Amino acid sequence: MMKCMKTADVIEGITWGLGIIAVALTASVARKLGFLEGDTAERLVIGLNGLMVTWYGNRMPKAFVPNAQARRARRVGGWSMVVSGLAYAGLWAFAPIGVATSGGMLALLAGIAVTLGYCLSLRLGPKAA
């Protein structure tokens, strides 16, 4: 049976989306007025995506699940998403754009791979009695 999302989860997602749009619009106006360079506006907006991944990764282990294996998977998934999201945001803040693009994608893919690999290891590992 599928579990419905809580209203608070939907509101948080919408808030993140609206926040990123607001920052993008503000950065665009600031760039047109000469307060920001194009690279800075791009880094600011794209870097927020990494912070959003970090936010959701931090929330993952805190959600209640009745199964012990699911709790372990959420903890590992949460940590891998937090680390990969921070790496993504850090690269977009400090690395050259080309490095930030490829390195950020690799960081997110690594976080997903760690999570998927751990979940598969739980599923394929020895069964509890």
Protein backbone atom coordinates (compact mmCIF):
# COMPACT_ATOMS: atom_id res chain seq x y z
CA MET A 1 0.00 0.00 0.00
CA MET A 2 1.36 3.45 -0.87
CA LYS A 3 1.57 6.02 1.85
CA CYS A 4 0.35 9.54 1.08
CA MET A 5 2.68 12.47 1.44
CA LYS A 6 2.05 14.73 4.37
CA THR A 7 0.88 18.26 3.70
CA ALA A 8 4.00 19.60 5.44
CA ASP A 9 6.21 17.70 2.96
CA VAL A 10 4.37 19.22 0.02
CA ILE A 11 4.58 22.70 1.52
CA GLU A 12 8.33 22.30 2.10
CA GLY A 13 8.84 21.23 -1.51
CA ILE A 14 6.81 24.15 -2.82
CA THR A 15 8.70 26.51 -0.50
CA TRP A 16 12.05 25.27 -1.85
CA GLY A 17 10.82 25.69 -5.42
CA LEU A 18 9.47 29.19 -4.83
CA GLY A 19 12.63 30.13 -2.92
CA ILE A 20 14.87 29.07 -5.78
CA ILE A 21 12.68 30.94 -8.28
CA ALA A 22 12.78 34.06 -6.07
CA VAL A 23 16.58 33.88 -5.80
CA ALA A 24 16.87 33.34 -9.57
CA LEU A 25 14.66 36.36 -10.32
CA THR A 26 16.47 38.53 -7.77
CA ALA A 27 19.87 37.47 -9.12
CA SER A 28 18.71 38.21 -12.66
CA VAL A 29 17.61 41.71 -11.71
CA ALA A 30 20.82 42.29 -9.72
CA ARG A 31 22.86 41.15 -12.74
CA LYS A 32 20.99 43.50 -15.08
CA LEU A 33 21.54 46.39 -12.65
CA GLY A 34 25.26 45.60 -12.46
CA PHE A 35 25.32 44.39 -8.85
CA LEU A 36 26.25 40.80 -9.79
CA GLU A 37 28.29 39.28 -12.56
CA GLY A 38 26.72 36.56 -14.69
CA ASP A 39 28.91 33.83 -13.18
CA THR A 40 27.98 34.84 -9.64
CA ALA A 41 24.26 34.76 -10.38
CA GLU A 42 24.62 31.35 -12.04
CA ARG A 43 26.65 29.94 -9.14
CA LEU A 44 24.16 31.26 -6.60
CA VAL A 45 21.12 29.75 -8.23
CA ILE A 46 22.66 26.41 -9.20
CA GLY A 47 24.41 26.10 -5.83
CA LEU A 48 21.00 26.26 -4.16
CA ASN A 49 20.17 22.94 -5.80
CA GLY A 50 23.01 21.35 -3.83
CA LEU A 51 21.70 22.88 -0.61
CA MET A 52 18.25 21.50 -1.40
CA VAL A 53 19.72 18.00 -1.86
CA THR A 54 21.48 18.47 1.48
CA TRP A 55 18.21 19.52 3.14
CA TYR A 56 16.33 16.47 1.91
CA GLY A 57 19.25 14.19 2.70
CA ASN A 58 19.22 15.51 6.26
CA ARG A 59 15.50 14.79 6.55
CA MET A 60 15.66 11.22 5.19
CA PRO A 61 16.81 9.42 8.35
CA LYS A 62 14.33 11.34 10.49
CA ALA A 63 11.26 9.89 8.80
CA PHE A 64 9.70 7.05 10.76
CA VAL A 65 9.75 3.65 9.11
CA PRO A 66 8.84 0.45 10.95
CA ASN A 67 11.44 -1.81 9.30
CA ALA A 68 15.01 -1.88 10.69
CA GLN A 69 16.55 -2.40 7.24
CA ALA A 70 14.60 0.55 5.87
CA ARG A 71 15.87 2.72 8.74
CA ARG A 72 19.47 1.70 7.96
CA ALA A 73 18.94 2.43 4.26
CA ARG A 74 17.48 5.85 5.08
CA ARG A 75 20.45 6.67 7.34
CA VAL A 76 23.02 5.74 4.70
CA GLY A 77 20.99 7.41 1.96
CA GLY A 78 20.59 10.53 4.06
CA TRP A 79 24.30 10.79 4.79
CA SER A 80 25.29 10.15 1.18
CA MET A 81 22.85 12.82 -0.04
CA VAL A 82 24.05 15.34 2.56
CA VAL A 83 27.69 14.81 1.61
CA SER A 84 27.02 14.85 -2.13
CA GLY A 85 24.77 17.92 -1.83
CA LEU A 86 27.42 19.81 0.13
CA ALA A 87 30.07 18.78 -2.40
CA TYR A 88 27.82 19.98 -5.23
CA ALA A 89 27.14 23.33 -3.53
CA GLY A 90 30.82 23.74 -2.60
CA LEU A 91 31.97 23.09 -6.14
CA TRP A 92 29.49 25.62 -7.51
CA ALA A 93 30.65 28.15 -4.93
CA PHE A 94 34.41 27.84 -5.45
CA ALA A 95 35.44 25.74 -8.49
CA PRO A 96 35.68 26.92 -12.08
CA ILE A 97 32.36 26.50 -13.93
CA GLY A 98 33.56 23.53 -16.00
CA VAL A 99 34.81 21.70 -12.91
CA ALA A 100 31.66 22.61 -10.98
CA THR A 101 29.45 21.22 -13.73
CA SER A 102 31.19 17.87 -14.13
CA GLY A 103 32.32 17.52 -10.51
CA GLY A 104 28.89 18.45 -9.17
CA MET A 105 27.19 15.88 -11.35
CA LEU A 106 29.73 13.24 -10.30
CA ALA A 107 29.17 14.11 -6.64
CA LEU A 108 25.40 13.67 -6.97
CA LEU A 109 25.80 10.47 -8.97
CA ALA A 110 28.20 9.13 -6.32
CA GLY A 111 25.64 9.87 -3.60
CA ILE A 112 22.95 8.06 -5.55
CA ALA A 113 25.31 5.13 -6.27
CA VAL A 114 26.22 4.77 -2.59
CA THR A 115 22.55 4.76 -1.62
CA LEU A 116 21.57 2.31 -4.34
CA GLY A 117 24.55 0.06 -3.61
CA TYR A 118 23.75 -0.06 0.08
CA CYS A 119 20.09 -0.82 -0.56
CA LEU A 120 21.05 -3.63 -2.92
CA SER A 121 23.51 -5.02 -0.38
CA LEU A 122 20.73 -5.08 2.21
CA ARG A 123 18.39 -6.82 -0.19
CA LEU A 124 20.93 -9.37 -1.42
CA GLY A 125 22.56 -9.93 1.98
CA PRO A 126 21.69 -12.63 4.48
CA LYS A 127 18.03 -12.73 5.42
CA ALA A 128 17.05 -12.12 9.03
CA ALA A 129 15.35 -15.04 10.76
